[in-house]
Amino acid sequence: MRDAIKQLAESRSECTTRQTWYSALFSYNYPNSSETLRTVLDLLITARNEKTTQLQDTGLDPAVRARLQDEVSPLIHAHLPDPIVSEKGAIGIKAESVYQFYECDAGRAAVVFVSEILTAVTTELTHTGSIGYPLTTVLASAVGVHSRFLQASKKQVLDDLPI
């Protein structure tokens, strides 16, 4: 999971246009709980923060500095996946400066994943005015119905993780 998150963050960091980038990670078998997902993300973020602290050392060897920067740069907040969902029911959703953790029944995890993507697309289209008002309204309505349906099965289970 950690390697998949890093790979997705690295790919996202290479997107240098001014467009909004959205990335999502879906897994079938791992992690089997939101607690495990939170642990993986916590380890990744803690390692990133430690390397960021090391970069503040003015006497750092240039080669070591370059390596640390290569490791830290892709893992900034903006490059981390927006939702991370496991078919087993583990859910992590990136908010402003935290990941929020939820769980749902295993059979509904893919539906939650699709709902998160639809919500992001609808929000972005509405924000940018990229599509006409009638289509935006229809999409927003569909996402609203879909989201209300999911609220019954999606439960927040852990404290937020600062990113």
N, C-alpha and C. Protein backbone atom coordinates (compact mmCIF):
# COMPACT_ATOMS: atom_id res chain seq x y z
N MET A 1 0.83 -1.19 0.00
CA MET A 1 0.00 0.00 0.00
C MET A 1 0.88 1.25 0.00
N ARG A 2 1.93 1.23 0.81
CA ARG A 2 2.81 2.40 0.89
C ARG A 2 3.46 2.67 -0.47
N ASP A 3 3.89 1.62 -1.16
CA ASP A 3 4.50 1.80 -2.48
C ASP A 3 3.49 2.33 -3.49
N ALA A 4 2.26 1.86 -3.42
CA ALA A 4 1.22 2.34 -4.34
C ALA A 4 0.93 3.82 -4.11
N ILE A 5 0.86 4.23 -2.85
CA ILE A 5 0.62 5.63 -2.53
C ILE A 5 1.77 6.49 -3.03
N LYS A 6 3.01 6.03 -2.79
CA LYS A 6 4.19 6.77 -3.25
C LYS A 6 4.19 6.89 -4.77
N GLN A 7 3.90 5.80 -5.46
CA GLN A 7 3.91 5.80 -6.92
C GLN A 7 2.85 6.76 -7.47
N LEU A 8 1.66 6.75 -6.89
CA LEU A 8 0.61 7.66 -7.32
C LEU A 8 0.99 9.11 -7.04
N ALA A 9 1.59 9.37 -5.88
CA ALA A 9 2.02 10.73 -5.54
C ALA A 9 3.12 11.20 -6.49
N GLU A 10 4.05 10.32 -6.83
CA GLU A 10 5.11 10.69 -7.77
C GLU A 10 4.53 11.02 -9.14
N SER A 11 3.57 10.23 -9.59
CA SER A 11 2.93 10.50 -10.88
C SER A 11 2.21 11.84 -10.85
N ARG A 12 1.51 12.09 -9.78
CA ARG A 12 0.77 13.35 -9.65
C ARG A 12 1.72 14.54 -9.58
N SER A 13 2.88 14.36 -8.96
CA SER A 13 3.83 15.47 -8.83
C SER A 13 4.42 15.85 -10.19
N GLU A 14 4.37 14.95 -11.14
CA GLU A 14 4.91 15.23 -12.46
C GLU A 14 3.93 15.98 -13.35
N CYS A 15 2.70 16.13 -12.91
CA CYS A 15 1.69 16.88 -13.66
C CYS A 15 1.89 18.35 -13.35
N THR A 16 2.45 19.08 -14.30
CA THR A 16 2.85 20.46 -14.03
C THR A 16 1.94 21.51 -14.65
N THR A 17 0.84 21.11 -15.25
CA THR A 17 -0.07 22.11 -15.79
C THR A 17 -0.84 22.76 -14.65
N ARG A 18 -1.56 23.81 -14.94
CA ARG A 18 -2.29 24.54 -13.90
C ARG A 18 -3.66 23.93 -13.62
N GLN A 19 -3.97 22.83 -14.24
CA GLN A 19 -5.26 22.19 -14.02
C GLN A 19 -5.31 21.52 -12.65
N THR A 20 -6.52 21.33 -12.17
CA THR A 20 -6.71 20.62 -10.92
C THR A 20 -6.51 19.13 -11.18
N TRP A 21 -5.72 18.49 -10.34
CA TRP A 21 -5.48 17.06 -10.49
C TRP A 21 -6.13 16.33 -9.33
N TYR A 22 -6.75 15.25 -9.67
CA TYR A 22 -7.43 14.42 -8.69
C TYR A 22 -6.89 13.02 -8.85
N SER A 23 -6.49 12.40 -7.76
CA SER A 23 -6.03 11.02 -7.85
C SER A 23 -6.74 10.20 -6.79
N ALA A 24 -6.98 8.95 -7.13
CA ALA A 24 -7.70 8.06 -6.24
C ALA A 24 -7.03 6.68 -6.30
N LEU A 25 -7.08 5.99 -5.19
CA LEU A 25 -6.46 4.67 -5.10
C LEU A 25 -7.51 3.67 -4.61
N PHE A 26 -7.70 2.62 -5.38
CA PHE A 26 -8.63 1.56 -5.01
C PHE A 26 -7.85 0.26 -4.94
N SER A 27 -8.06 -0.51 -3.88
CA SER A 27 -7.38 -1.78 -3.67
C SER A 27 -8.40 -2.86 -3.38
N TYR A 28 -8.14 -4.05 -3.83
CA TYR A 28 -9.08 -5.14 -3.60
C TYR A 28 -8.88 -5.85 -2.26
N ASN A 29 -7.66 -6.17 -1.92
CA ASN A 29 -7.44 -7.03 -0.75
C ASN A 29 -6.78 -6.37 0.46
N TYR A 30 -6.18 -5.23 0.28
CA TYR A 30 -5.43 -4.63 1.38
C TYR A 30 -5.63 -3.13 1.35
N PRO A 31 -5.78 -2.49 2.43
CA PRO A 31 -5.84 -2.98 3.79
C PRO A 31 -7.24 -3.50 4.13
N ASN A 32 -7.29 -4.34 5.14
CA ASN A 32 -8.57 -4.93 5.52
C ASN A 32 -9.30 -4.10 6.58
N SER A 33 -8.68 -3.01 7.06
CA SER A 33 -9.36 -2.14 8.02
C SER A 33 -8.84 -0.72 7.86
N SER A 34 -9.64 0.22 8.30
CA SER A 34 -9.23 1.63 8.27
C SER A 34 -8.08 1.88 9.22
N GLU A 35 -8.01 1.10 10.29
CA GLU A 35 -6.90 1.23 11.24
C GLU A 35 -5.57 0.90 10.55
N THR A 36 -5.55 -0.15 9.75
CA THR A 36 -4.34 -0.50 9.01
C THR A 36 -3.99 0.58 8.00
N LEU A 37 -5.00 1.09 7.30
CA LEU A 37 -4.77 2.17 6.34
C LEU A 37 -4.20 3.40 7.04
N ARG A 38 -4.75 3.75 8.18
CA ARG A 38 -4.26 4.90 8.94
C ARG A 38 -2.81 4.70 9.35
N THR A 39 -2.47 3.48 9.79
CA THR A 39 -1.10 3.17 10.19
C THR A 39 -0.13 3.34 9.02
N VAL A 40 -0.51 2.84 7.85
CA VAL A 40 0.35 2.96 6.66
C VAL A 40 0.56 4.43 6.31
N LEU A 41 -0.52 5.21 6.29
CA LEU A 41 -0.40 6.63 5.97
C LEU A 41 0.41 7.37 7.03
N ASP A 42 0.20 7.04 8.29
CA ASP A 42 0.93 7.68 9.37
C ASP A 42 2.43 7.44 9.24
N LEU A 43 2.82 6.21 8.93
CA LEU A 43 4.25 5.89 8.75
C LEU A 43 4.84 6.67 7.58
N LEU A 44 4.09 6.76 6.49
CA LEU A 44 4.56 7.47 5.30
C LEU A 44 4.71 8.97 5.58
N ILE A 45 3.73 9.55 6.23
CA ILE A 45 3.76 10.98 6.54
C ILE A 45 4.83 11.30 7.58
N THR A 46 4.98 10.44 8.57
CA THR A 46 6.03 10.64 9.59
C THR A 46 7.41 10.60 8.95
N ALA A 47 7.65 9.62 8.07
CA ALA A 47 8.95 9.53 7.37
C ALA A 47 9.18 10.77 6.52
N ARG A 48 8.14 11.24 5.82
CA ARG A 48 8.26 12.46 5.01
C ARG A 48 8.63 13.65 5.90
N ASN A 49 7.98 13.79 7.04
CA ASN A 49 8.24 14.92 7.94
C ASN A 49 9.64 14.86 8.52
N GLU A 50 10.12 13.67 8.85
CA GLU A 50 11.48 13.52 9.36
C GLU A 50 12.52 13.93 8.31
N LYS A 51 12.27 13.53 7.06
CA LYS A 51 13.20 13.90 5.98
C LYS A 51 13.14 15.40 5.71
N THR A 52 11.96 15.99 5.84
CA THR A 52 11.82 17.43 5.67
C THR A 52 12.62 18.16 6.74
N THR A 53 12.62 17.66 7.95
CA THR A 53 13.40 18.24 9.04
C THR A 53 14.90 18.11 8.73
N GLN A 54 15.32 16.97 8.21
CA GLN A 54 16.72 16.77 7.85
C GLN A 54 17.17 17.77 6.79
N LEU A 55 16.26 18.12 5.89
CA LEU A 55 16.60 19.06 4.81
C LEU A 55 16.91 20.46 5.34
N GLN A 56 16.53 20.76 6.55
CA GLN A 56 16.80 22.08 7.12
C GLN A 56 18.23 22.22 7.61
N ASP A 57 18.96 21.12 7.63
CA ASP A 57 20.37 21.15 8.04
C ASP A 57 21.19 21.82 6.94
N THR A 58 21.77 22.98 7.24
CA THR A 58 22.52 23.74 6.24
C THR A 58 23.84 23.06 5.85
N GLY A 59 24.33 22.16 6.67
CA GLY A 59 25.60 21.49 6.37
C GLY A 59 25.42 20.16 5.66
N LEU A 60 24.25 19.90 5.16
CA LEU A 60 23.94 18.62 4.52
C LEU A 60 24.70 18.46 3.21
N ASP A 61 25.28 17.29 2.99
CA ASP A 61 25.96 16.98 1.75
C ASP A 61 24.99 17.18 0.58
N PRO A 62 25.43 17.82 -0.51
CA PRO A 62 24.54 18.09 -1.65
C PRO A 62 23.88 16.83 -2.24
N ALA A 63 24.61 15.73 -2.28
CA ALA A 63 24.04 14.50 -2.82
C ALA A 63 22.94 13.96 -1.91
N VAL A 64 23.17 14.04 -0.60
CA VAL A 64 22.17 13.60 0.37
C VAL A 64 20.95 14.52 0.30
N ARG A 65 21.20 15.83 0.16
CA ARG A 65 20.10 16.79 0.05
C ARG A 65 19.24 16.48 -1.18
N ALA A 66 19.88 16.21 -2.29
CA ALA A 66 19.14 15.93 -3.52
C ALA A 66 18.30 14.66 -3.37
N ARG A 67 18.87 13.64 -2.74
CA ARG A 67 18.13 12.39 -2.53
C ARG A 67 16.92 12.61 -1.64
N LEU A 68 17.14 13.36 -0.54
CA LEU A 68 16.04 13.64 0.38
C LEU A 68 14.94 14.45 -0.31
N GLN A 69 15.33 15.45 -1.10
CA GLN A 69 14.33 16.25 -1.80
C GLN A 69 13.53 15.40 -2.79
N ASP A 70 14.21 14.47 -3.45
CA ASP A 70 13.51 13.57 -4.38
C ASP A 70 12.50 12.68 -3.65
N GLU A 71 12.82 12.32 -2.41
CA GLU A 71 11.92 11.47 -1.64
C GLU A 71 10.76 12.27 -1.03
N VAL A 72 11.01 13.50 -0.66
CA VAL A 72 10.01 14.32 0.02
C VAL A 72 9.04 14.99 -0.96
N SER A 73 9.56 15.52 -2.04
CA SER A 73 8.76 16.33 -2.96
C SER A 73 7.45 15.70 -3.41
N PRO A 74 7.45 14.44 -3.84
CA PRO A 74 6.18 13.87 -4.31
C PRO A 74 5.16 13.66 -3.19
N LEU A 75 5.60 13.65 -1.95
CA LEU A 75 4.70 13.30 -0.85
C LEU A 75 4.10 14.50 -0.13
N ILE A 76 4.17 15.67 -0.77
CA ILE A 76 3.50 16.81 -0.17
C ILE A 76 1.98 16.58 -0.21
N HIS A 77 1.28 17.31 0.61
CA HIS A 77 -0.17 17.16 0.76
C HIS A 77 -0.89 17.10 -0.59
N ALA A 78 -0.59 18.02 -1.48
CA ALA A 78 -1.31 18.12 -2.75
C ALA A 78 -1.15 16.90 -3.65
N HIS A 79 -0.12 16.13 -3.45
CA HIS A 79 0.14 14.98 -4.33
C HIS A 79 -0.40 13.66 -3.79
N LEU A 80 -0.80 13.63 -2.53
CA LEU A 80 -1.32 12.39 -1.96
C LEU A 80 -2.70 12.09 -2.54
N PRO A 81 -3.08 10.81 -2.67
CA PRO A 81 -4.38 10.46 -3.24
C PRO A 81 -5.53 11.07 -2.46
N ASP A 82 -6.57 11.45 -3.17
CA ASP A 82 -7.73 12.07 -2.53
C ASP A 82 -8.52 11.03 -1.75
N PRO A 83 -9.15 10.05 -2.39
CA PRO A 83 -9.68 8.93 -1.59
C PRO A 83 -8.78 7.71 -1.75
N ILE A 84 -8.70 6.94 -0.70
CA ILE A 84 -8.05 5.62 -0.74
C ILE A 84 -9.10 4.67 -0.20
N VAL A 85 -9.48 3.71 -1.03
CA VAL A 85 -10.57 2.80 -0.66
C VAL A 85 -10.15 1.37 -0.93
N SER A 86 -10.43 0.50 0.03
CA SER A 86 -10.18 -0.92 -0.13
C SER A 86 -11.51 -1.65 -0.24
N GLU A 87 -11.58 -2.62 -1.11
CA GLU A 87 -12.79 -3.41 -1.26
C GLU A 87 -13.19 -4.06 0.07
N LYS A 88 -12.25 -4.20 0.98
CA LYS A 88 -12.52 -4.78 2.30
C LYS A 88 -13.29 -3.81 3.20
N GLY A 89 -13.46 -2.54 2.76
CA GLY A 89 -14.25 -1.58 3.52
C GLY A 89 -13.46 -0.47 4.20
N ALA A 90 -12.14 -0.46 4.05
CA ALA A 90 -11.31 0.61 4.63
C ALA A 90 -11.37 1.83 3.71
N ILE A 91 -11.55 3.01 4.31
CA ILE A 91 -11.68 4.23 3.53
C ILE A 91 -10.88 5.33 4.19
N GLY A 92 -10.06 6.03 3.40
CA GLY A 92 -9.38 7.23 3.84
C GLY A 92 -9.68 8.32 2.83
N ILE A 93 -10.19 9.45 3.29
CA ILE A 93 -10.55 10.54 2.39
C ILE A 93 -9.79 11.79 2.81
N LYS A 94 -9.06 12.35 1.85
CA LYS A 94 -8.27 13.55 2.14
C LYS A 94 -9.18 14.76 2.18
N ALA A 95 -9.13 15.49 3.29
CA ALA A 95 -9.86 16.74 3.44
C ALA A 95 -8.83 17.87 3.34
N GLU A 96 -9.13 19.02 3.89
CA GLU A 96 -8.22 20.18 3.78
C GLU A 96 -6.79 19.85 4.18
N SER A 97 -6.58 19.41 5.40
CA SER A 97 -5.21 19.16 5.87
C SER A 97 -5.13 17.85 6.66
N VAL A 98 -6.11 16.97 6.46
CA VAL A 98 -6.15 15.70 7.17
C VAL A 98 -6.70 14.60 6.27
N TYR A 99 -6.44 13.38 6.68
CA TYR A 99 -7.18 12.24 6.14
C TYR A 99 -8.23 11.89 7.18
N GLN A 100 -9.44 11.64 6.70
CA GLN A 100 -10.51 11.17 7.57
C GLN A 100 -10.74 9.70 7.24
N PHE A 101 -11.04 8.91 8.25
CA PHE A 101 -11.14 7.46 8.07
C PHE A 101 -12.55 6.95 8.33
N TYR A 102 -13.00 6.13 7.42
CA TYR A 102 -14.34 5.56 7.48
C TYR A 102 -14.24 4.07 7.22
N GLU A 103 -15.31 3.38 7.52
CA GLU A 103 -15.43 1.98 7.12
C GLU A 103 -16.84 1.77 6.61
N CYS A 104 -16.98 0.80 5.74
CA CYS A 104 -18.29 0.43 5.25
C CYS A 104 -18.28 -1.07 5.01
N ASP A 105 -19.42 -1.61 4.70
CA ASP A 105 -19.49 -3.03 4.37
C ASP A 105 -18.65 -3.28 3.13
N ALA A 106 -17.99 -4.42 3.10
CA ALA A 106 -17.10 -4.74 1.98
C ALA A 106 -17.81 -4.63 0.64
N GLY A 107 -19.04 -5.03 0.56
CA GLY A 107 -19.76 -4.99 -0.71
C GLY A 107 -20.07 -3.59 -1.21
N ARG A 108 -19.93 -2.58 -0.34
CA ARG A 108 -20.25 -1.21 -0.72
C ARG A 108 -19.02 -0.34 -0.97
N ALA A 109 -17.85 -0.86 -0.77
CA ALA A 109 -16.63 -0.05 -0.89
C ALA A 109 -16.46 0.52 -2.29
N ALA A 110 -16.72 -0.26 -3.32
CA ALA A 110 -16.59 0.24 -4.69
C ALA A 110 -17.59 1.35 -4.95
N VAL A 111 -18.77 1.26 -4.35
CA VAL A 111 -19.79 2.30 -4.52
C VAL A 111 -19.32 3.59 -3.85
N VAL A 112 -18.72 3.48 -2.68
CA VAL A 112 -18.17 4.65 -2.00
C VAL A 112 -17.09 5.29 -2.86
N PHE A 113 -16.24 4.47 -3.45
CA PHE A 113 -15.16 4.96 -4.30
C PHE A 113 -15.72 5.76 -5.47
N VAL A 114 -16.70 5.20 -6.15
CA VAL A 114 -17.32 5.87 -7.30
C VAL A 114 -17.99 7.17 -6.84
N SER A 115 -18.64 7.13 -5.70
CA SER A 115 -19.30 8.32 -5.17
C SER A 115 -18.30 9.44 -4.91
N GLU A 116 -17.15 9.11 -4.34
CA GLU A 116 -16.12 10.12 -4.06
C GLU A 116 -15.62 10.74 -5.37
N ILE A 117 -15.44 9.93 -6.39
CA ILE A 117 -14.98 10.45 -7.68
C ILE A 117 -16.05 11.35 -8.30
N LEU A 118 -17.31 10.90 -8.28
CA LEU A 118 -18.39 11.72 -8.83
C LEU A 118 -18.52 13.05 -8.10
N THR A 119 -18.38 13.01 -6.79
CA THR A 119 -18.47 14.24 -6.00
C THR A 119 -17.35 15.20 -6.40
N ALA A 120 -16.14 14.69 -6.56
CA ALA A 120 -15.01 15.54 -6.94
C ALA A 120 -15.21 16.13 -8.34
N VAL A 121 -15.66 15.32 -9.27
CA VAL A 121 -15.89 15.79 -10.64
C VAL A 121 -16.97 16.87 -10.65
N THR A 122 -18.07 16.61 -9.98
CA THR A 122 -19.17 17.57 -9.94
C THR A 122 -18.74 18.88 -9.29
N THR A 123 -18.00 18.78 -8.20
CA THR A 123 -17.52 19.98 -7.51
C THR A 123 -16.60 20.79 -8.41
N GLU A 124 -15.68 20.13 -9.08
CA GLU A 124 -14.75 20.83 -9.97
C GLU A 124 -15.46 21.46 -11.15
N LEU A 125 -16.39 20.73 -11.75
CA LEU A 125 -17.12 21.28 -12.90
C LEU A 125 -17.97 22.48 -12.49
N THR A 126 -18.57 22.41 -11.34
CA THR A 126 -19.37 23.53 -10.85
C THR A 126 -18.48 24.73 -10.56
N HIS A 127 -17.34 24.46 -9.94
CA HIS A 127 -16.40 25.53 -9.56
C HIS A 127 -15.84 26.25 -10.79
N THR A 128 -15.46 25.49 -11.80
CA THR A 128 -14.82 26.09 -12.97
C THR A 128 -15.81 26.54 -14.02
N GLY A 129 -17.06 26.09 -13.91
CA GLY A 129 -18.05 26.43 -14.93
C GLY A 129 -17.74 25.76 -16.26
N SER A 130 -17.07 24.60 -16.20
CA SER A 130 -16.64 23.90 -17.41
C SER A 130 -17.79 23.32 -18.23
N ILE A 131 -18.90 23.09 -17.59
CA ILE A 131 -20.05 22.57 -18.33
C ILE A 131 -21.26 23.43 -18.03
N GLY A 132 -22.29 23.27 -18.84
CA GLY A 132 -23.48 24.09 -18.69
C GLY A 132 -24.22 23.81 -17.39
N TYR A 133 -25.00 24.78 -16.98
CA TYR A 133 -25.75 24.70 -15.73
C TYR A 133 -26.66 23.48 -15.65
N PRO A 134 -27.45 23.15 -16.71
CA PRO A 134 -28.35 21.99 -16.58
C PRO A 134 -27.61 20.68 -16.27
N LEU A 135 -26.48 20.45 -16.93
CA LEU A 135 -25.74 19.21 -16.69
C LEU A 135 -25.14 19.21 -15.29
N THR A 136 -24.63 20.35 -14.85
CA THR A 136 -24.08 20.44 -13.51
C THR A 136 -25.16 20.14 -12.48
N THR A 137 -26.35 20.66 -12.68
CA THR A 137 -27.45 20.44 -11.76
C THR A 137 -27.84 18.97 -11.70
N VAL A 138 -27.91 18.32 -12.86
CA VAL A 138 -28.26 16.90 -12.90
C VAL A 138 -27.20 16.07 -12.19
N LEU A 139 -25.92 16.35 -12.47
CA LEU A 139 -24.84 15.62 -11.80
C LEU A 139 -24.87 15.84 -10.30
N ALA A 140 -25.05 17.07 -9.88
CA ALA A 140 -25.08 17.38 -8.45
C ALA A 140 -26.25 16.66 -7.77
N SER A 141 -27.38 16.61 -8.43
CA SER A 141 -28.55 15.93 -7.87
C SER A 141 -28.28 14.44 -7.74
N ALA A 142 -27.69 13.84 -8.78
CA ALA A 142 -27.38 12.40 -8.75
C ALA A 142 -26.39 12.08 -7.64
N VAL A 143 -25.36 12.91 -7.50
CA VAL A 143 -24.37 12.69 -6.46
C VAL A 143 -25.01 12.86 -5.08
N GLY A 144 -25.92 13.81 -4.93
CA GLY A 144 -26.61 14.01 -3.67
C GLY A 144 -27.41 12.80 -3.26
N VAL A 145 -28.16 12.23 -4.19
CA VAL A 145 -28.95 11.03 -3.91
C VAL A 145 -28.02 9.88 -3.56
N HIS A 146 -26.98 9.73 -4.34
CA HIS A 146 -26.01 8.66 -4.14
C HIS A 146 -25.36 8.80 -2.77
N SER A 147 -24.96 10.01 -2.40
CA SER A 147 -24.29 10.24 -1.12
C SER A 147 -25.22 9.95 0.06
N ARG A 148 -26.48 10.36 -0.05
CA ARG A 148 -27.43 10.08 1.04
C ARG A 148 -27.61 8.58 1.22
N PHE A 149 -27.63 7.85 0.11
CA PHE A 149 -27.75 6.40 0.16
C PHE A 149 -26.57 5.80 0.91
N LEU A 150 -25.39 6.34 0.69
CA LEU A 150 -24.19 5.79 1.30
C LEU A 150 -24.03 6.14 2.78
N GLN A 151 -24.60 7.24 3.21
CA GLN A 151 -24.40 7.66 4.60
C GLN A 151 -24.82 6.59 5.60
N ALA A 152 -25.76 5.77 5.22
CA ALA A 152 -26.23 4.71 6.13
C ALA A 152 -25.15 3.67 6.37
N SER A 153 -24.24 3.47 5.43
CA SER A 153 -23.26 2.41 5.59
C SER A 153 -21.83 2.92 5.82
N LYS A 154 -21.56 4.18 5.58
CA LYS A 154 -20.22 4.74 5.73
C LYS A 154 -20.12 5.42 7.09
N LYS A 155 -19.29 4.88 7.96
CA LYS A 155 -19.17 5.40 9.32
C LYS A 155 -17.74 5.86 9.61
N GLN A 156 -17.59 7.06 10.18
CA GLN A 156 -16.26 7.51 10.57
C GLN A 156 -15.83 6.70 11.78
N VAL A 157 -14.60 6.16 11.71
CA VAL A 157 -14.17 5.21 12.74
C VAL A 157 -12.92 5.61 13.52
N LEU A 158 -12.11 6.51 13.00
CA LEU A 158 -10.85 6.87 13.67
C LEU A 158 -10.68 8.37 13.69
N ASP A 159 -9.76 8.83 14.51
CA ASP A 159 -9.43 10.25 14.53
C ASP A 159 -8.76 10.63 13.21
N ASP A 160 -8.87 11.91 12.86
CA ASP A 160 -8.23 12.41 11.64
C ASP A 160 -6.70 12.31 11.77
N LEU A 161 -6.06 12.16 10.62
CA LEU A 161 -4.59 12.12 10.56
C LEU A 161 -4.11 13.38 9.86
N PRO A 162 -3.40 14.29 10.56
CA PRO A 162 -2.88 15.49 9.90
C PRO A 162 -1.91 15.09 8.78
N ILE A 163 -2.04 15.79 7.68
CA ILE A 163 -1.18 15.46 6.52
C ILE A 163 0.06 16.35 6.57
